[in-house]
């Protein structure tokens, strides 16, 4: 019940966060043209991806070039469709106007969609100057942005630093864990050769939210320790076939594992 409540609360927070980003209180916007731009933005946000919405974002930008949300929202369909060049031009404009609002989002996108780990680290470290206590979550809700920062460091070879970031986050008061936090920390410790710590976090992940990738790494630890790992391997394959894996609508998760890798263990 406690696990369900935690993930349900995280889901609700994601809905609130997403709606907050999409809609703006236009009464708080200064200047007549910028108020009109805001109203166009709110109208277009509910029709994201359509030609009408893109044209409305263009009109909003024309009326108020400093209305950063219009650049950000106009960029989203390009990101989803894989036109990263156009997306980057637009999101860079949003960040230039309001870095405090958009740096975290751009950093997460660089990590999640582009595999630009250096760029992700740069954005998230800069973003941390604005929010040193809490960076908030990725837009899809899977990770706290400090975990994204840690995974980016890990991808760049800074494994110990990555582990330290996640450990500190997990120990912080009031932190709501993401669905894959212990798994990502476990993989990081595994890559550092610290198999006791890796096993500890894979076990914690199993108790909270188990899936094929996590069981696969548990079997790898058992194999390295010369223990019976075949039952875990079979369980990982069965769990994979049942569809209990790390999923994302648009991209692949960091440290994602595929069936062929499990078969070859």
Protein backbone atom coordinates (compact mmCIF):
# COMPACT_ATOMS: atom_id res chain seq x y z
CA UNK A 1 0.00 0.00 0.00
CA UNK A 2 2.83 2.38 0.88
CA UNK A 3 4.52 1.72 -2.47
CA UNK A 4 1.25 2.35 -4.35
CA UNK A 5 0.64 5.58 -2.46
CA UNK A 6 4.14 6.84 -3.25
CA UNK A 7 3.87 6.19 -7.00
CA UNK A 8 0.27 7.46 -7.11
CA UNK A 9 1.39 10.70 -5.45
CA UNK A 10 4.27 11.00 -7.92
CA UNK A 11 1.79 10.54 -10.77
CA UNK A 12 -0.49 13.24 -9.40
CA UNK A 13 2.46 15.60 -8.97
CA UNK A 14 3.42 14.95 -12.60
CA UNK A 15 -0.10 15.83 -13.80
CA UNK A 16 -0.08 19.06 -11.78
CA UNK A 17 3.46 19.91 -12.96
CA UNK A 18 2.62 19.26 -16.63
CA UNK A 19 -0.58 21.32 -16.51
CA UNK A 20 1.23 24.14 -14.70
CA UNK A 21 3.81 24.33 -17.48
CA UNK A 22 1.18 24.19 -20.24
CA UNK A 23 -1.15 26.88 -18.90
CA UNK A 24 -0.17 30.40 -17.87
CA UNK A 25 -2.14 32.94 -15.83
CA UNK A 26 -2.39 35.68 -18.42
CA UNK A 27 -3.63 38.21 -15.87
CA UNK A 28 -0.14 38.19 -14.38
CA UNK A 29 1.51 39.01 -17.73
CA UNK A 30 2.49 42.64 -18.26
CA UNK A 31 1.85 44.52 -21.50
CA UNK A 32 -1.18 44.30 -23.78
CA UNK A 33 0.64 42.48 -26.59
CA UNK A 34 2.16 39.98 -24.17
CA UNK A 35 -1.27 39.31 -22.64
CA UNK A 36 -2.58 38.56 -26.14
CA UNK A 37 0.45 36.35 -26.74
CA UNK A 38 -0.29 34.51 -23.50
CA UNK A 39 -3.90 33.89 -24.49
CA UNK A 40 -2.78 32.54 -27.87
CA UNK A 41 -0.26 30.33 -26.11
CA UNK A 42 -2.89 28.85 -23.77
CA UNK A 43 -5.22 28.19 -26.70
CA UNK A 44 -2.46 26.57 -28.77
CA UNK A 45 -1.11 24.45 -25.90
CA UNK A 46 -4.33 22.43 -25.85
CA UNK A 47 -3.88 21.69 -29.58
CA UNK A 48 -0.18 20.86 -29.54
CA UNK A 49 1.20 19.42 -32.76
CA UNK A 50 -1.51 20.79 -35.08
CA UNK A 51 -0.78 23.35 -37.78
CA UNK A 52 -3.16 25.78 -36.08
CA UNK A 53 -1.26 25.57 -32.80
CA UNK A 54 2.11 26.11 -34.47
CA UNK A 55 0.76 29.15 -36.29
CA UNK A 56 -0.67 30.47 -33.01
CA UNK A 57 2.73 30.08 -31.32
CA UNK A 58 4.28 32.06 -34.18
CA UNK A 59 1.73 34.83 -33.67
CA UNK A 60 2.41 34.81 -29.92
CA UNK A 61 6.14 35.12 -30.50
CA UNK A 62 5.53 37.97 -32.97
CA UNK A 63 3.44 39.83 -30.42
CA UNK A 64 5.81 39.21 -27.50
CA UNK A 65 9.30 37.92 -28.42
CA UNK A 66 10.18 37.57 -24.72
CA UNK A 67 7.33 35.13 -24.00
CA UNK A 68 9.58 32.10 -23.53
CA UNK A 69 6.87 29.45 -23.13
CA UNK A 70 5.78 29.92 -26.73
CA UNK A 71 9.25 28.91 -27.99
CA UNK A 72 9.31 25.93 -25.64
CA UNK A 73 5.86 24.63 -26.56
CA UNK A 74 6.40 25.23 -30.28
CA UNK A 75 9.57 23.11 -30.02
CA UNK A 76 7.87 20.04 -28.51
CA UNK A 77 6.42 18.49 -31.72
CA UNK A 78 9.83 18.72 -33.38
CA UNK A 79 11.38 16.85 -30.47
CA UNK A 80 8.74 14.11 -30.61
CA UNK A 81 9.17 13.73 -34.37
CA UNK A 82 12.96 13.55 -34.22
CA UNK A 83 13.68 16.95 -35.80
CA UNK A 84 16.26 17.78 -33.14
CA UNK A 85 17.87 20.61 -35.09
CA UNK A 86 14.66 22.67 -35.22
CA UNK A 87 13.86 21.72 -31.62
CA UNK A 88 17.26 22.96 -30.46
CA UNK A 89 16.92 26.30 -32.24
CA UNK A 90 13.58 26.92 -30.51
CA UNK A 91 14.44 25.59 -27.05
CA UNK A 92 17.69 27.58 -27.05
CA UNK A 93 15.61 30.72 -27.59
CA UNK A 94 13.35 29.77 -24.67
CA UNK A 95 16.38 29.23 -22.42
CA UNK A 96 17.96 32.51 -23.53
CA UNK A 97 14.82 34.40 -22.51
CA UNK A 98 14.17 32.51 -19.24
CA UNK A 99 16.91 30.07 -18.17
CA UNK A 100 15.38 29.62 -14.72
CA UNK A 101 12.25 28.20 -16.33
CA UNK A 102 13.66 26.07 -19.15
CA UNK A 103 17.24 24.94 -18.37
CA UNK A 104 16.11 21.86 -16.45
CA UNK A 105 13.79 20.76 -19.23
CA UNK A 106 16.46 21.26 -21.90
CA UNK A 107 18.98 19.33 -19.81
CA UNK A 108 16.60 16.42 -19.41
CA UNK A 109 15.83 16.39 -23.15
CA UNK A 110 19.53 16.38 -24.00
CA UNK A 111 19.93 13.34 -21.77
CA UNK A 112 16.77 11.49 -22.75
CA UNK A 113 16.41 12.19 -26.47
CA UNK A 114 19.83 13.24 -27.75
CA UNK A 115 22.25 11.25 -25.58
CA UNK A 116 24.13 14.53 -25.17
CA UNK A 117 25.42 13.80 -21.68
CA UNK A 118 27.94 16.64 -21.65
CA UNK A 119 25.22 19.09 -22.61
CA UNK A 120 22.87 17.62 -20.01
CA UNK A 121 25.45 18.03 -17.25
CA UNK A 122 26.16 21.61 -18.28
CA UNK A 123 22.46 22.53 -18.28
CA UNK A 124 21.63 20.77 -15.02
CA UNK A 125 24.64 22.15 -13.18
CA UNK A 126 23.65 25.65 -14.31
CA UNK A 127 20.03 24.94 -13.36
CA UNK A 128 21.19 23.89 -9.89
CA UNK A 129 22.44 27.44 -9.31
CA UNK A 130 18.81 28.56 -9.48
CA UNK A 131 17.43 25.63 -7.44
CA UNK A 132 20.22 24.32 -5.18
CA UNK A 133 17.83 22.44 -2.87
CA UNK A 134 15.54 20.71 -5.35
CA UNK A 135 15.84 20.53 -9.14
CA UNK A 136 12.41 18.98 -9.54
CA UNK A 137 11.51 16.03 -11.77
CA UNK A 138 11.85 15.18 -15.43
CA UNK A 139 8.76 16.06 -17.44
CA UNK A 140 7.78 12.38 -17.85
CA UNK A 141 8.03 11.92 -14.06
CA UNK A 142 10.40 8.94 -14.17
CA UNK A 143 13.37 10.63 -12.53
CA UNK A 144 14.32 13.46 -10.27
CA UNK A 145 16.59 15.77 -12.26
CA UNK A 146 19.44 15.06 -9.83
CA UNK A 147 19.20 11.39 -10.89
CA UNK A 148 19.33 12.57 -14.51
CA UNK A 149 22.40 14.60 -13.60
CA UNK A 150 23.93 11.50 -11.97
CA UNK A 151 23.18 9.25 -14.96
CA UNK A 152 24.76 11.82 -17.27
CA UNK A 153 27.92 11.81 -15.17
CA UNK A 154 27.85 8.02 -15.19
CA UNK A 155 27.60 7.96 -18.99
CA UNK A 156 30.65 10.23 -19.14
CA UNK A 157 32.64 7.81 -16.96
CA UNK A 158 32.28 9.58 -13.62
CA UNK A 159 30.70 6.60 -11.87
CA UNK A 160 31.70 7.41 -8.28
CA UNK A 161 30.37 10.95 -8.62
CA UNK A 162 27.12 9.60 -10.04
CA UNK A 163 26.69 7.15 -7.16
CA UNK A 164 27.34 9.92 -4.63
CA UNK A 165 24.66 12.15 -6.15
CA UNK A 166 21.98 9.45 -6.00
CA UNK A 167 22.99 8.31 -2.50
CA UNK A 168 22.69 11.88 -1.23
CA UNK A 169 19.31 12.28 -2.89
CA UNK A 170 17.93 9.03 -1.46
CA UNK A 171 19.07 10.08 2.02
CA UNK A 172 17.48 13.53 1.80
CA UNK A 173 14.41 14.20 3.94
CA UNK A 174 11.06 14.07 2.21
CA UNK A 175 12.39 12.73 -1.10
CA UNK A 176 9.90 10.74 -3.19
CA UNK A 177 11.77 7.99 -4.99
CA UNK A 178 11.47 7.50 -8.70
CA UNK A 179 10.51 4.13 -10.15
CA UNK A 180 14.08 3.25 -11.13
CA UNK A 181 16.32 5.04 -8.59
CA UNK A 182 17.68 1.95 -6.83
CA UNK A 183 18.20 0.17 -10.14
CA UNK A 184 20.25 3.01 -11.63
CA UNK A 185 22.32 3.26 -8.45
CA UNK A 186 22.78 -0.51 -8.43
CA UNK A 187 24.03 -0.51 -12.03
CA UNK A 188 26.44 2.30 -11.21
CA UNK A 189 27.89 0.32 -8.28
CA UNK A 190 28.05 -2.79 -10.49
CA UNK A 191 30.12 -0.87 -13.04
CA UNK A 192 32.40 0.27 -10.21
CA UNK A 193 32.92 -3.37 -9.21
CA UNK A 194 31.22 -2.79 -5.84
CA UNK A 195 29.01 -5.85 -6.03
CA UNK A 196 27.81 -5.81 -2.42
CA UNK A 197 26.43 -2.30 -2.83
CA UNK A 198 25.03 -3.18 -6.25
CA UNK A 199 23.23 -6.21 -4.83
CA UNK A 200 21.87 -4.13 -1.95
CA UNK A 201 20.19 -1.70 -4.32
CA UNK A 202 18.96 -4.36 -6.74
CA UNK A 203 17.23 -6.03 -3.78
CA UNK A 204 15.69 -2.73 -2.70
CA UNK A 205 14.49 -2.19 -6.26
CA UNK A 206 12.93 -5.68 -6.30
CA UNK A 207 10.90 -4.89 -3.19
CA UNK A 208 9.55 -1.63 -4.59
CA UNK A 209 9.17 -2.19 -8.32
CA UNK A 210 10.78 -5.22 -9.96
CA UNK A 211 11.34 -5.66 -13.69
CA UNK A 212 13.42 -7.75 -16.08
CA UNK A 213 16.43 -5.45 -16.23
CA UNK A 214 16.82 -5.45 -12.46
CA UNK A 215 16.57 -9.26 -12.26
CA UNK A 216 19.13 -9.53 -15.08
CA UNK A 217 21.68 -7.54 -13.07
CA UNK A 218 20.93 -9.61 -9.96
CA UNK A 219 21.77 -12.70 -11.99
CA UNK A 220 24.98 -11.05 -13.24
CA UNK A 221 26.09 -10.40 -9.65
CA UNK A 222 25.34 -14.03 -8.75
CA UNK A 223 27.35 -15.27 -11.73
CA UNK A 224 30.35 -13.11 -10.81
CA UNK A 225 30.21 -14.49 -7.26
CA UNK A 226 30.16 -18.06 -8.66
CA UNK A 227 26.69 -18.63 -7.28
CA UNK A 228 23.74 -20.25 -9.00
CA UNK A 229 22.40 -17.60 -11.35
CA UNK A 230 20.37 -19.67 -13.83
CA UNK A 231 17.09 -19.45 -11.90
CA UNK A 232 17.42 -15.65 -11.87
CA UNK A 233 18.23 -15.67 -15.57
CA UNK A 234 15.09 -17.71 -16.29
CA UNK A 235 13.06 -15.34 -14.12
CA UNK A 236 14.49 -12.34 -15.99
CA UNK A 237 13.49 -13.89 -19.33
CA UNK A 238 10.01 -14.75 -18.08
CA UNK A 239 9.56 -11.27 -16.63
CA UNK A 240 10.75 -9.73 -19.91
CA UNK A 241 8.24 -11.82 -21.88
CA UNK A 242 5.48 -10.70 -19.50
CA UNK A 243 6.25 -7.12 -20.50
CA UNK A 244 7.62 -6.06 -17.11
CA UNK A 245 10.47 -3.96 -18.45
CA UNK A 246 11.64 -0.34 -18.44
CA UNK A 247 9.42 1.49 -20.91
CA UNK A 248 9.30 4.93 -22.48
CA UNK A 249 6.91 6.14 -25.18
CA UNK A 250 9.52 7.97 -27.27
CA UNK A 251 12.99 6.71 -26.35
CA UNK A 252 14.90 3.96 -24.52
CA UNK A 253 15.78 4.16 -20.85
CA UNK A 254 19.36 4.60 -19.70
CA UNK A 255 20.77 1.14 -18.81
CA UNK A 256 17.94 -0.53 -20.70
CA UNK A 257 18.47 -4.29 -21.20
CA UNK A 258 17.11 -6.36 -24.09
CA UNK A 259 16.11 -10.02 -24.28
CA UNK A 260 19.16 -10.99 -26.32
CA UNK A 261 21.45 -9.72 -23.56
CA UNK A 262 19.62 -11.83 -21.00
CA UNK A 263 19.80 -14.89 -23.27
CA UNK A 264 23.56 -14.46 -23.68
CA UNK A 265 24.23 -14.31 -19.92
